[in-house]
Every structure is written in structure tokens, then in C-alpha cells.
């Protein structure tokens, strides 16, 4: 079993509007995390002319390419993915700058959330919601309607790789096995697909009995780190009134054994420290305990030292 010792509480890695249905889309930003000093600094976006319509939600990287899902105000027709180039830093003391490359949008991007970069221009993205209106989205979320989809961008056009999935949220791509992991919030499962560009074939599923949000994949161990919501209806209330309520946070580590999946709880909190965690990653530094970074959409990043007992 593992546990974490809280070290410090940091500010948001990504800023965004507090309500996607009424968002101003004017406060979006991306932050960089300095590993050695646990320092966070707002990254400079070069050549990005759409900062007034920047509401970052999910992120994924491929080498020095950063991809960001941008769910826009419902008054906009469709959502989009913004693609950036992470410029190299001259020294370790300076933070990298991020140069805008292009945006990708499509009429099938009606409610995107998680993203998995598979190339410098190619990606999978979870289209969590089919509808743009708040009431229709609430129905999709609460009733677990099979109206979600997984989209694939091949560098030129967006295709529907998979449809009929209930509220897909987080994605993770295993480049070695060419597998795509898809979290379904309503089904409380992670589906595993063999990924051949826009063709996805289901090969397995992981039953969680809690609702998964974003997924991160350790490229060395192939372990999954998943932020989940143990009380999805309380989380729904929290999303409507985030400053009046709190809701639990739970982080799971998933390992693939020969014939089954091993699931370990790494972090749990009633929400008083960090509410509704949506993402988590582990960071390994020489001669130091591994760091566990936990983030949510509204209040900040929790930095922990990961220890085993």
C-alpha cells in the first residue's frame, strides 16, 4: 500500500472560466512546473491571437508538441484543439516559452474534454457531450446517455473513430502497444482499444466502480494514474456551485498483471484539501522521493511526496 505526505499547495496549472456554459473565456492560461523547486510560473504564449477565447481543459504532449482542448462558450458553434510548440530553454533556470502552431475545429467537436497526442499533428480527443445546451448536457451526464464519441485527427481532417460511448472523459495512448485507454465517467470504467488510426477495436475493460476523469500513462512502467470521482452526484452539485461545496478527491494507480488489473489507492481526501481532482501525474527526480502532482479545474495543484509503507 502507498500513501502520500502533503508538501505544498500550488496554484492552477491551467486557468479557465468557472462555468463552461457561462464562461467569459478571458482568463485562460497555461502554467509550467519547475521540478527542482516546486515552482510554478505562467507560460508565455507566443503568436497566439485567440487568448480571449482560450479555456484550456485537457492537455497532452508528443515530444515538444503541446495539444490543449479548448471547450468554448456554448455561444460558439464548436470547440477546438489548440496546438503549440514548446521552445527549448537556454538554461535550466528559465521556463520554456510556448509558440502557437494552429487550431483544429470541426462540427463534431461539440463537447470535448480529454486528449491523447499520437503524433506531431495527430491526436485522439474525447467528445464528452453531443449537445451544446446545459440541460441536454446535464441529461447526458446524469443519465449516462451513450451520446459521446472518440474523435481522431489525422493531420488534415477530424473523423469519428468511435461513437455510442457514455460520457468519455480522459484518454491515454500507449505508443508501444498502440492502445488507447478511454475513461467513461458514467459507466465507471476504462475501456482499452487497439488503435489503428481512426479504427478502434475494444480489447479489454477495467471496472472501477468510481467515475474516472483524466488518465496519465507512465511511459516506462505503463502504469495508469487515474483521478476518479467516488461520489459522482455530489461532484455534479459541486460543478454547479464550486465555491459553496467541496467533493472528495481520489487517485488510483492501475497496473497490468498477467491476467488481471491491480488497482491501488494512492491518495484520498474528503475535498477539504483539494476538491474534485481531475488529473494526477508522478514525477521522478534523482535522490528524492517521487512527487505526486494532483490538479483540479478550479483551485490549484497539490504537490505530494510519494512513499511506500
C-alpha atoms as a PDB file:
ATOM      1  CA  UNK A   1       0.000   0.000   0.000  1.00  0.00           C
ATOM      2  CA  UNK A   2       1.131   3.555  -0.653  1.00  0.00           C
ATOM      3  CA  UNK A   3       0.484   6.873   0.971  1.00  0.00           C
ATOM      4  CA  UNK A   4       1.412  10.490   0.307  1.00  0.00           C
ATOM      5  CA  UNK A   5       2.669  13.257   2.553  1.00  0.00           C
ATOM      6  CA  UNK A   6       1.338  16.696   1.650  1.00  0.00           C
ATOM      7  CA  UNK A   7       4.181  19.114   0.885  1.00  0.00           C
ATOM      8  CA  UNK A   8       2.673  22.304  -0.507  1.00  0.00           C
ATOM      9  CA  UNK A   9      -0.384  23.668  -2.257  1.00  0.00           C
ATOM     10  CA  UNK A  10       0.205  25.436  -5.541  1.00  0.00           C
ATOM     11  CA  UNK A  11      -1.838  27.480  -7.977  1.00  0.00           C
ATOM     12  CA  UNK A  12      -3.549  26.282 -11.126  1.00  0.00           C
ATOM     13  CA  UNK A  13      -1.605  24.730 -13.961  1.00  0.00           C
ATOM     14  CA  UNK A  14      -4.362  25.887 -16.294  1.00  0.00           C
ATOM     15  CA  UNK A  15      -6.778  28.711 -15.665  1.00  0.00           C
ATOM     16  CA  UNK A  16     -10.235  28.568 -17.150  1.00  0.00           C
ATOM     17  CA  UNK A  17     -13.736  30.009 -16.843  1.00  0.00           C
ATOM     18  CA  UNK A  18     -15.627  28.683 -13.846  1.00  0.00           C
ATOM     19  CA  UNK A  19     -18.708  27.675 -15.841  1.00  0.00           C
ATOM     20  CA  UNK A  20     -18.395  26.445 -19.397  1.00  0.00           C
ATOM     21  CA  UNK A  21     -21.994  27.390 -20.077  1.00  0.00           C
ATOM     22  CA  UNK A  22     -21.412  30.992 -18.995  1.00  0.00           C
ATOM     23  CA  UNK A  23     -17.650  31.263 -19.317  1.00  0.00           C
ATOM     24  CA  UNK A  24     -16.024  34.530 -20.263  1.00  0.00           C
ATOM     25  CA  UNK A  25     -13.163  32.620 -21.902  1.00  0.00           C
ATOM     26  CA  UNK A  26     -10.902  35.520 -20.984  1.00  0.00           C
ATOM     27  CA  UNK A  27      -8.787  34.061 -18.177  1.00  0.00           C
ATOM     28  CA  UNK A  28      -7.277  31.009 -19.851  1.00  0.00           C
ATOM     29  CA  UNK A  29      -3.584  30.341 -19.239  1.00  0.00           C
ATOM     30  CA  UNK A  30      -1.027  27.533 -19.101  1.00  0.00           C
ATOM     31  CA  UNK A  31       1.478  27.214 -16.268  1.00  0.00           C
ATOM     32  CA  UNK A  32       4.845  25.460 -16.167  1.00  0.00           C
ATOM     33  CA  UNK A  33       6.051  23.476 -13.144  1.00  0.00           C
ATOM     34  CA  UNK A  34       9.709  23.600 -12.130  1.00  0.00           C
ATOM     35  CA  UNK A  35      10.610  20.175 -10.794  1.00  0.00           C
ATOM     36  CA  UNK A  36      13.546  21.056  -8.552  1.00  0.00           C
ATOM     37  CA  UNK A  37      11.979  23.929  -6.659  1.00  0.00           C
ATOM     38  CA  UNK A  38       8.284  23.071  -6.851  1.00  0.00           C
ATOM     39  CA  UNK A  39       7.762  26.438  -8.506  1.00  0.00           C
ATOM     40  CA  UNK A  40       5.000  27.324 -10.913  1.00  0.00           C
ATOM     41  CA  UNK A  41       5.109  30.154 -13.459  1.00  0.00           C
ATOM     42  CA  UNK A  42       2.689  31.324 -16.106  1.00  0.00           C
ATOM     43  CA  UNK A  43       3.970  30.281 -19.529  1.00  0.00           C
ATOM     44  CA  UNK A  44       4.308  32.859 -22.291  1.00  0.00           C
ATOM     45  CA  UNK A  45       2.176  32.045 -25.339  1.00  0.00           C
ATOM     46  CA  UNK A  46       3.866  33.373 -28.474  1.00  0.00           C
ATOM     47  CA  UNK A  47       1.847  34.192 -31.579  1.00  0.00           C
ATOM     48  CA  UNK A  48      -1.452  33.183 -30.011  1.00  0.00           C
ATOM     49  CA  UNK A  49      -4.124  35.631 -31.162  1.00  0.00           C
ATOM     50  CA  UNK A  50      -7.113  33.872 -29.579  1.00  0.00           C
ATOM     51  CA  UNK A  51      -6.353  34.398 -25.892  1.00  0.00           C
ATOM     52  CA  UNK A  52      -9.807  35.926 -25.412  1.00  0.00           C
ATOM     53  CA  UNK A  53     -11.249  32.556 -26.464  1.00  0.00           C
ATOM     54  CA  UNK A  54      -8.874  30.321 -24.521  1.00  0.00           C
ATOM     55  CA  UNK A  55     -10.468  27.987 -21.988  1.00  0.00           C
ATOM     56  CA  UNK A  56      -7.902  25.145 -21.590  1.00  0.00           C
ATOM     57  CA  UNK A  57      -9.194  21.864 -20.225  1.00  0.00           C
ATOM     58  CA  UNK A  58      -7.201  18.752 -21.191  1.00  0.00           C
ATOM     59  CA  UNK A  59      -3.560  18.626 -22.305  1.00  0.00           C
ATOM     60  CA  UNK A  60      -1.276  16.076 -23.943  1.00  0.00           C
ATOM     61  CA  UNK A  61       2.245  16.168 -25.356  1.00  0.00           C
ATOM     62  CA  UNK A  62       4.161  14.457 -28.141  1.00  0.00           C
ATOM     63  CA  UNK A  63       7.879  15.247 -27.886  1.00  0.00           C
ATOM     64  CA  UNK A  64       7.952  19.080 -27.931  1.00  0.00           C
ATOM     65  CA  UNK A  65       4.369  19.466 -29.158  1.00  0.00           C
ATOM     66  CA  UNK A  66       1.665  20.500 -26.693  1.00  0.00           C
ATOM     67  CA  UNK A  67      -2.015  19.950 -27.503  1.00  0.00           C
ATOM     68  CA  UNK A  68      -4.791  21.589 -25.487  1.00  0.00           C
ATOM     69  CA  UNK A  69      -8.532  21.014 -25.638  1.00  0.00           C
ATOM     70  CA  UNK A  70     -10.461  24.260 -25.636  1.00  0.00           C
ATOM     71  CA  UNK A  71     -14.172  23.829 -24.798  1.00  0.00           C
ATOM     72  CA  UNK A  72     -15.666  27.155 -25.788  1.00  0.00           C
ATOM     73  CA  UNK A  73     -18.696  29.052 -24.594  1.00  0.00           C
ATOM     74  CA  UNK A  74     -21.893  27.474 -25.915  1.00  0.00           C
ATOM     75  CA  UNK A  75     -22.488  30.658 -27.916  1.00  0.00           C
ATOM     76  CA  UNK A  76     -19.623  29.491 -30.132  1.00  0.00           C
ATOM     77  CA  UNK A  77     -20.569  26.866 -32.686  1.00  0.00           C
ATOM     78  CA  UNK A  78     -17.933  24.253 -31.859  1.00  0.00           C
ATOM     79  CA  UNK A  79     -14.983  23.522 -29.587  1.00  0.00           C
ATOM     80  CA  UNK A  80     -11.383  23.373 -30.772  1.00  0.00           C
ATOM     81  CA  UNK A  81      -7.929  21.943 -30.067  1.00  0.00           C
ATOM     82  CA  UNK A  82      -5.009  24.382 -29.924  1.00  0.00           C
ATOM     83  CA  UNK A  83      -1.560  23.049 -30.841  1.00  0.00           C
ATOM     84  CA  UNK A  84       1.679  24.640 -29.585  1.00  0.00           C
ATOM     85  CA  UNK A  85       5.431  24.118 -29.918  1.00  0.00           C
ATOM     86  CA  UNK A  86       7.363  24.067 -26.637  1.00  0.00           C
ATOM     87  CA  UNK A  87      10.506  26.079 -27.358  1.00  0.00           C
ATOM     88  CA  UNK A  88      13.753  24.877 -25.731  1.00  0.00           C
ATOM     89  CA  UNK A  89      15.041  26.829 -22.733  1.00  0.00           C
ATOM     90  CA  UNK A  90      18.522  28.329 -22.831  1.00  0.00           C
ATOM     91  CA  UNK A  91      19.179  27.450 -19.190  1.00  0.00           C
ATOM     92  CA  UNK A  92      17.554  25.293 -16.526  1.00  0.00           C
ATOM     93  CA  UNK A  93      16.702  28.463 -14.631  1.00  0.00           C
ATOM     94  CA  UNK A  94      14.356  29.745 -17.333  1.00  0.00           C
ATOM     95  CA  UNK A  95      10.951  28.387 -18.206  1.00  0.00           C
ATOM     96  CA  UNK A  96      10.225  27.373 -21.785  1.00  0.00           C
ATOM     97  CA  UNK A  97       8.064  29.549 -23.973  1.00  0.00           C
ATOM     98  CA  UNK A  98       5.190  28.109 -25.962  1.00  0.00           C
ATOM     99  CA  UNK A  99       4.683  29.051 -29.608  1.00  0.00           C
ATOM    100  CA  UNK A 100       1.276  28.710 -31.218  1.00  0.00           C
ATOM    101  CA  UNK A 101       1.134  26.476 -34.300  1.00  0.00           C
ATOM    102  CA  UNK A 102      -2.522  26.107 -35.247  1.00  0.00           C
ATOM    103  CA  UNK A 103      -6.060  25.360 -34.095  1.00  0.00           C
ATOM    104  CA  UNK A 104      -8.227  22.422 -35.136  1.00  0.00           C
ATOM    105  CA  UNK A 105     -12.012  22.597 -35.055  1.00  0.00           C
ATOM    106  CA  UNK A 106     -14.863  20.587 -36.525  1.00  0.00           C
ATOM    107  CA  UNK A 107     -18.638  20.386 -36.405  1.00  0.00           C
ATOM    108  CA  UNK A 108     -18.326  17.107 -34.469  1.00  0.00           C
ATOM    109  CA  UNK A 109     -16.389  18.826 -31.649  1.00  0.00           C
ATOM    110  CA  UNK A 110     -19.479  19.647 -29.631  1.00  0.00           C
ATOM    111  CA  UNK A 111     -18.169  18.996 -26.112  1.00  0.00           C
ATOM    112  CA  UNK A 112     -14.525  17.928 -25.975  1.00  0.00           C
ATOM    113  CA  UNK A 113     -12.558  17.137 -22.811  1.00  0.00           C
ATOM    114  CA  UNK A 114      -9.588  14.723 -22.728  1.00  0.00           C
ATOM    115  CA  UNK A 115      -6.964  14.427 -25.464  1.00  0.00           C
ATOM    116  CA  UNK A 116      -4.174  11.995 -26.358  1.00  0.00           C
ATOM    117  CA  UNK A 117      -1.444  13.145 -28.746  1.00  0.00           C
ATOM    118  CA  UNK A 118      -0.186  10.358 -31.023  1.00  0.00           C
ATOM    119  CA  UNK A 119       1.988  12.422 -33.382  1.00  0.00           C
ATOM    120  CA  UNK A 120       3.082  15.977 -34.082  1.00  0.00           C
ATOM    121  CA  UNK A 121      -0.270  16.698 -35.707  1.00  0.00           C
ATOM    122  CA  UNK A 122      -2.325  13.606 -34.901  1.00  0.00           C
ATOM    123  CA  UNK A 123      -4.477  13.127 -31.822  1.00  0.00           C
ATOM    124  CA  UNK A 124      -7.495  11.427 -30.306  1.00  0.00           C
ATOM    125  CA  UNK A 125      -9.968  13.588 -28.405  1.00  0.00           C
ATOM    126  CA  UNK A 126     -12.929  12.660 -26.205  1.00  0.00           C
ATOM    127  CA  UNK A 127     -16.163  14.317 -27.289  1.00  0.00           C
ATOM    128  CA  UNK A 128     -17.942  14.001 -23.961  1.00  0.00           C
ATOM    129  CA  UNK A 129     -21.117  15.829 -24.936  1.00  0.00           C
ATOM    130  CA  UNK A 130     -23.130  15.639 -28.141  1.00  0.00           C
ATOM    131  CA  UNK A 131     -25.266  18.642 -27.277  1.00  0.00           C
ATOM    132  CA  UNK A 132     -24.323  22.266 -26.565  1.00  0.00           C
ATOM    133  CA  UNK A 133     -27.173  23.265 -24.265  1.00  0.00           C
ATOM    134  CA  UNK A 134     -26.778  22.981 -20.489  1.00  0.00           C
ATOM    135  CA  UNK A 135     -29.960  20.995 -19.814  1.00  0.00           C
ATOM    136  CA  UNK A 136     -29.167  18.484 -22.546  1.00  0.00           C
ATOM    137  CA  UNK A 137     -25.616  18.112 -21.222  1.00  0.00           C
ATOM    138  CA  UNK A 138     -26.899  17.584 -17.697  1.00  0.00           C
ATOM    139  CA  UNK A 139     -29.076  14.765 -19.034  1.00  0.00           C
ATOM    140  CA  UNK A 140     -26.101  13.206 -20.836  1.00  0.00           C
ATOM    141  CA  UNK A 141     -24.029  13.427 -17.646  1.00  0.00           C
ATOM    142  CA  UNK A 142     -26.610  12.235 -15.114  1.00  0.00           C
ATOM    143  CA  UNK A 143     -28.378   9.607 -17.214  1.00  0.00           C
ATOM    144  CA  UNK A 144     -25.231   8.161 -18.742  1.00  0.00           C
ATOM    145  CA  UNK A 145     -26.545   8.519 -22.284  1.00  0.00           C
ATOM    146  CA  UNK A 146     -24.488   6.794 -24.965  1.00  0.00           C
ATOM    147  CA  UNK A 147     -24.033  10.001 -26.929  1.00  0.00           C
ATOM    148  CA  UNK A 148     -20.281  10.518 -26.520  1.00  0.00           C
ATOM    149  CA  UNK A 149     -17.632   9.810 -29.130  1.00  0.00           C
ATOM    150  CA  UNK A 150     -13.895   9.474 -29.670  1.00  0.00           C
ATOM    151  CA  UNK A 151     -12.580  11.648 -32.494  1.00  0.00           C
ATOM    152  CA  UNK A 152      -9.350  11.238 -34.447  1.00  0.00           C
ATOM    153  CA  UNK A 153      -7.455  13.991 -36.251  1.00  0.00           C
ATOM    154  CA  UNK A 154      -5.056  12.648 -38.887  1.00  0.00           C
ATOM    155  CA  UNK A 155      -3.364  15.970 -39.545  1.00  0.00           C
ATOM    156  CA  UNK A 156      -5.871  17.010 -42.184  1.00  0.00           C
ATOM    157  CA  UNK A 157      -9.384  16.149 -41.044  1.00  0.00           C
ATOM    158  CA  UNK A 158     -11.335  15.095 -37.958  1.00  0.00           C
ATOM    159  CA  UNK A 159     -13.013  11.689 -38.089  1.00  0.00           C
ATOM    160  CA  UNK A 160     -15.336   9.855 -35.706  1.00  0.00           C
ATOM    161  CA  UNK A 161     -13.306   6.852 -34.567  1.00  0.00           C
ATOM    162  CA  UNK A 162     -15.891   5.574 -32.087  1.00  0.00           C
ATOM    163  CA  UNK A 163     -19.405   6.619 -31.158  1.00  0.00           C
ATOM    164  CA  UNK A 164     -22.084   5.434 -28.773  1.00  0.00           C
ATOM    165  CA  UNK A 165     -19.945   5.693 -25.625  1.00  0.00           C
ATOM    166  CA  UNK A 166     -21.214   7.118 -22.347  1.00  0.00           C
ATOM    167  CA  UNK A 167     -19.551  10.401 -21.277  1.00  0.00           C
ATOM    168  CA  UNK A 168     -15.934   9.707 -22.293  1.00  0.00           C
ATOM    169  CA  UNK A 169     -13.534  11.874 -20.315  1.00  0.00           C
ATOM    170  CA  UNK A 170      -9.827  11.069 -20.012  1.00  0.00           C
ATOM    171  CA  UNK A 171      -7.666   9.469 -22.707  1.00  0.00           C
ATOM    172  CA  UNK A 172      -4.199   7.929 -22.619  1.00  0.00           C
ATOM    173  CA  UNK A 173      -2.260   6.413 -25.507  1.00  0.00           C
ATOM    174  CA  UNK A 174       0.328   3.620 -25.197  1.00  0.00           C
ATOM    175  CA  UNK A 175       2.634   4.106 -28.185  1.00  0.00           C
ATOM    176  CA  UNK A 176       4.412   0.779 -27.702  1.00  0.00           C
ATOM    177  CA  UNK A 177       1.257  -1.351 -27.673  1.00  0.00           C
ATOM    178  CA  UNK A 178      -0.751   1.064 -29.824  1.00  0.00           C
ATOM    179  CA  UNK A 179      -3.563   1.000 -27.306  1.00  0.00           C
ATOM    180  CA  UNK A 180      -5.949   3.788 -26.365  1.00  0.00           C
ATOM    181  CA  UNK A 181      -7.374   3.971 -22.841  1.00  0.00           C
ATOM    182  CA  UNK A 182     -10.760   5.696 -22.619  1.00  0.00           C
ATOM    183  CA  UNK A 183     -12.367   6.654 -19.317  1.00  0.00           C
ATOM    184  CA  UNK A 184     -16.177   6.578 -19.182  1.00  0.00           C
ATOM    185  CA  UNK A 185     -17.453   8.750 -16.348  1.00  0.00           C
ATOM    186  CA  UNK A 186     -20.995   7.374 -16.266  1.00  0.00           C
ATOM    187  CA  UNK A 187     -20.092   3.722 -16.865  1.00  0.00           C
ATOM    188  CA  UNK A 188     -17.341   3.926 -14.198  1.00  0.00           C
ATOM    189  CA  UNK A 189     -14.954   2.024 -16.429  1.00  0.00           C
ATOM    190  CA  UNK A 190     -11.826   2.425 -18.503  1.00  0.00           C
ATOM    191  CA  UNK A 191     -12.104   0.850 -21.938  1.00  0.00           C
ATOM    192  CA  UNK A 192      -8.992  -0.402 -23.711  1.00  0.00           C
ATOM    193  CA  UNK A 193      -8.888  -0.245 -27.511  1.00  0.00           C
ATOM    194  CA  UNK A 194      -6.407  -1.382 -30.103  1.00  0.00           C
ATOM    195  CA  UNK A 195      -5.759   1.830 -32.009  1.00  0.00           C
ATOM    196  CA  UNK A 196      -5.175   1.818 -35.741  1.00  0.00           C
ATOM    197  CA  UNK A 197      -5.612   5.466 -36.656  1.00  0.00           C
ATOM    198  CA  UNK A 198      -9.383   6.072 -36.911  1.00  0.00           C
ATOM    199  CA  UNK A 199     -10.172   2.395 -36.286  1.00  0.00           C
ATOM    200  CA  UNK A 200     -10.607   1.412 -32.637  1.00  0.00           C
ATOM    201  CA  UNK A 201     -11.166  -2.206 -31.576  1.00  0.00           C
ATOM    202  CA  UNK A 202     -12.103  -2.960 -27.983  1.00  0.00           C
ATOM    203  CA  UNK A 203      -9.754  -5.473 -26.346  1.00  0.00           C
ATOM    204  CA  UNK A 204     -10.421  -5.057 -22.621  1.00  0.00           C
ATOM    205  CA  UNK A 205     -12.111  -3.003 -19.935  1.00  0.00           C
ATOM    206  CA  UNK A 206     -11.273  -2.064 -16.354  1.00  0.00           C
ATOM    207  CA  UNK A 207     -14.138  -1.910 -13.859  1.00  0.00           C
ATOM    208  CA  UNK A 208     -13.522   0.856 -11.320  1.00  0.00           C
ATOM    209  CA  UNK A 209     -16.889   1.371  -9.553  1.00  0.00           C
ATOM    210  CA  UNK A 210     -15.930   5.037  -9.341  1.00  0.00           C
ATOM    211  CA  UNK A 211     -16.099   7.642 -12.094  1.00  0.00           C
ATOM    212  CA  UNK A 212     -12.806   8.273 -13.940  1.00  0.00           C
ATOM    213  CA  UNK A 213     -11.714  11.674 -15.146  1.00  0.00           C
ATOM    214  CA  UNK A 214      -8.305  12.250 -16.747  1.00  0.00           C
ATOM    215  CA  UNK A 215      -5.790   9.430 -17.190  1.00  0.00           C
ATOM    216  CA  UNK A 216      -1.996   9.622 -17.333  1.00  0.00           C
ATOM    217  CA  UNK A 217       0.266   6.826 -18.572  1.00  0.00           C
ATOM    218  CA  UNK A 218       3.761   6.229 -17.215  1.00  0.00           C
ATOM    219  CA  UNK A 219       5.857   5.699 -20.380  1.00  0.00           C
ATOM    220  CA  UNK A 220       8.355   3.480 -18.523  1.00  0.00           C
ATOM    221  CA  UNK A 221       6.158   1.209 -16.405  1.00  0.00           C
ATOM    222  CA  UNK A 222       2.952   1.553 -18.488  1.00  0.00           C
ATOM    223  CA  UNK A 223       1.043   2.045 -15.221  1.00  0.00           C
ATOM    224  CA  UNK A 224      -2.040   4.231 -15.340  1.00  0.00           C
ATOM    225  CA  UNK A 225      -2.712   7.056 -12.910  1.00  0.00           C
ATOM    226  CA  UNK A 226      -6.380   7.991 -12.793  1.00  0.00           C
ATOM    227  CA  UNK A 227      -8.208  10.780 -10.999  1.00  0.00           C
ATOM    228  CA  UNK A 228     -11.671   9.488 -10.115  1.00  0.00           C
ATOM    229  CA  UNK A 229     -14.841  10.798  -8.507  1.00  0.00           C
ATOM    230  CA  UNK A 230     -16.197   8.430  -5.830  1.00  0.00           C
ATOM    231  CA  UNK A 231     -19.437  10.436  -5.459  1.00  0.00           C
ATOM    232  CA  UNK A 232     -20.427  11.496  -8.954  1.00  0.00           C
ATOM    233  CA  UNK A 233     -23.734  13.122  -7.968  1.00  0.00           C
ATOM    234  CA  UNK A 234     -22.068  15.206  -5.262  1.00  0.00           C
ATOM    235  CA  UNK A 235     -19.475  16.147  -7.854  1.00  0.00           C
ATOM    236  CA  UNK A 236     -22.294  17.246 -10.171  1.00  0.00           C
ATOM    237  CA  UNK A 237     -23.580  19.577  -7.442  1.00  0.00           C
ATOM    238  CA  UNK A 238     -20.038  20.828  -6.850  1.00  0.00           C
ATOM    239  CA  UNK A 239     -19.653  21.650 -10.549  1.00  0.00           C
ATOM    240  CA  UNK A 240     -22.738  23.863 -10.409  1.00  0.00           C
ATOM    241  CA  UNK A 241     -21.664  25.667  -7.196  1.00  0.00           C
ATOM    242  CA  UNK A 242     -17.911  25.110  -6.816  1.00  0.00           C
ATOM    243  CA  UNK A 243     -17.346  27.857  -4.266  1.00  0.00           C
ATOM    244  CA  UNK A 244     -20.100  26.688  -1.903  1.00  0.00           C
ATOM    245  CA  UNK A 245     -19.316  22.978  -1.739  1.00  0.00           C
ATOM    246  CA  UNK A 246     -16.455  20.557  -1.785  1.00  0.00           C
ATOM    247  CA  UNK A 247     -16.351  16.987  -3.030  1.00  0.00           C
ATOM    248  CA  UNK A 248     -13.893  14.107  -2.495  1.00  0.00           C
ATOM    249  CA  UNK A 249     -10.712  13.525  -4.475  1.00  0.00           C
ATOM    250  CA  UNK A 250      -9.330  10.058  -5.164  1.00  0.00           C
ATOM    251  CA  UNK A 251      -6.269   8.961  -7.158  1.00  0.00           C
ATOM    252  CA  UNK A 252      -5.825   5.357  -8.326  1.00  0.00           C
ATOM    253  CA  UNK A 253      -2.797   3.593  -9.768  1.00  0.00           C
ATOM    254  CA  UNK A 254      -3.581   0.748 -12.168  1.00  0.00           C
ATOM    255  CA  UNK A 255      -1.053  -1.944 -13.078  1.00  0.00           C
ATOM    256  CA  UNK A 256      -1.493  -4.642 -15.706  1.00  0.00           C
ATOM    257  CA  UNK A 257      -0.689  -8.083 -14.353  1.00  0.00           C
ATOM    258  CA  UNK A 258      -0.703 -11.285 -16.393  1.00  0.00           C
ATOM    259  CA  UNK A 259      -4.414 -11.972 -16.231  1.00  0.00           C
ATOM    260  CA  UNK A 260      -5.900  -9.063 -14.287  1.00  0.00           C
ATOM    261  CA  UNK A 261      -5.569  -5.427 -13.302  1.00  0.00           C
ATOM    262  CA  UNK A 262      -4.140  -4.377  -9.945  1.00  0.00           C
ATOM    263  CA  UNK A 263      -5.680  -1.182  -8.540  1.00  0.00           C
ATOM    264  CA  UNK A 264      -4.006   0.733  -5.690  1.00  0.00           C
ATOM    265  CA  UNK A 265      -5.315   3.826  -3.935  1.00  0.00           C
ATOM    266  CA  UNK A 266      -2.545   6.431  -3.847  1.00  0.00           C
ATOM    267  CA  UNK A 267      -4.424   9.398  -2.447  1.00  0.00           C
ATOM    268  CA  UNK A 268      -7.823  10.072  -0.896  1.00  0.00           C
ATOM    269  CA  UNK A 269      -9.257  13.239   0.615  1.00  0.00           C
ATOM    270  CA  UNK A 270     -12.739  14.407   1.541  1.00  0.00           C
ATOM    271  CA  UNK A 271     -12.252  17.509  -0.570  1.00  0.00           C
ATOM    272  CA  UNK A 272     -11.176  19.890   2.174  1.00  0.00           C
ATOM    273  CA  UNK A 273      -7.611  19.957   0.821  1.00  0.00           C
ATOM    274  CA  UNK A 274      -8.368  19.646  -2.892  1.00  0.00           C
ATOM    275  CA  UNK A 275     -11.845  19.086  -4.299  1.00  0.00           C
ATOM    276  CA  UNK A 276     -12.822  17.128  -7.388  1.00  0.00           C
ATOM    277  CA  UNK A 277      -9.327  16.183  -8.533  1.00  0.00           C
ATOM    278  CA  UNK A 278      -9.344  15.649 -12.276  1.00  0.00           C
ATOM    279  CA  UNK A 279      -5.725  14.773 -13.065  1.00  0.00           C
ATOM    280  CA  UNK A 280      -2.584  13.339 -11.475  1.00  0.00           C
ATOM    281  CA  UNK A 281       0.960  12.549 -12.578  1.00  0.00           C
ATOM    282  CA  UNK A 282       4.061  11.118 -10.911  1.00  0.00           C
ATOM    283  CA  UNK A 283       7.474  12.748 -11.299  1.00  0.00           C
ATOM    284  CA  UNK A 284      10.760  11.019 -10.511  1.00  0.00           C
ATOM    285  CA  UNK A 285      13.854  13.010  -9.503  1.00  0.00           C
ATOM    286  CA  UNK A 286      17.340  11.703  -8.621  1.00  0.00           C
ATOM    287  CA  UNK A 287      17.897  11.064  -4.904  1.00  0.00           C
ATOM    288  CA  UNK A 288      14.472  12.424  -3.979  1.00  0.00           C
ATOM    289  CA  UNK A 289      11.122  10.816  -3.218  1.00  0.00           C
ATOM    290  CA  UNK A 290       8.795  10.626  -6.217  1.00  0.00           C
ATOM    291  CA  UNK A 291       6.404  13.546  -6.480  1.00  0.00           C
ATOM    292  CA  UNK A 292       2.697  13.134  -6.995  1.00  0.00           C
ATOM    293  CA  UNK A 293       1.028  16.182  -8.553  1.00  0.00           C
ATOM    294  CA  UNK A 294      -2.747  16.360  -8.269  1.00  0.00           C
ATOM    295  CA  UNK A 295      -4.758  19.023 -10.062  1.00  0.00           C
ATOM    296  CA  UNK A 296      -8.342  20.125 -10.385  1.00  0.00           C
ATOM    297  CA  UNK A 297     -10.096  22.568 -12.668  1.00  0.00           C
ATOM    298  CA  UNK A 298     -10.640  25.427 -10.283  1.00  0.00           C
ATOM    299  CA  UNK A 299      -8.362  25.890  -7.297  1.00  0.00           C
ATOM    300  CA  UNK A 300      -4.880  24.529  -7.767  1.00  0.00           C
ATOM    301  CA  UNK A 301      -2.231  21.838  -7.714  1.00  0.00           C
ATOM    302  CA  UNK A 302      -1.415  19.687  -4.715  1.00  0.00           C
ATOM    303  CA  UNK A 303       2.227  18.568  -4.572  1.00  0.00           C
ATOM    304  CA  UNK A 304       2.972  15.459  -2.530  1.00  0.00           C
ATOM    305  CA  UNK A 305       5.894  13.182  -1.725  1.00  0.00           C
ATOM    306  CA  UNK A 306       5.008   9.608  -2.608  1.00  0.00           C
ATOM    307  CA  UNK A 307       6.190   6.986  -0.112  1.00  0.00           C
ATOM    308  CA  UNK A 308       5.555   3.260   0.333  1.00  0.00           C
ATOM    309  CA  UNK A 309       4.703   1.574   3.634  1.00  0.00           C
END
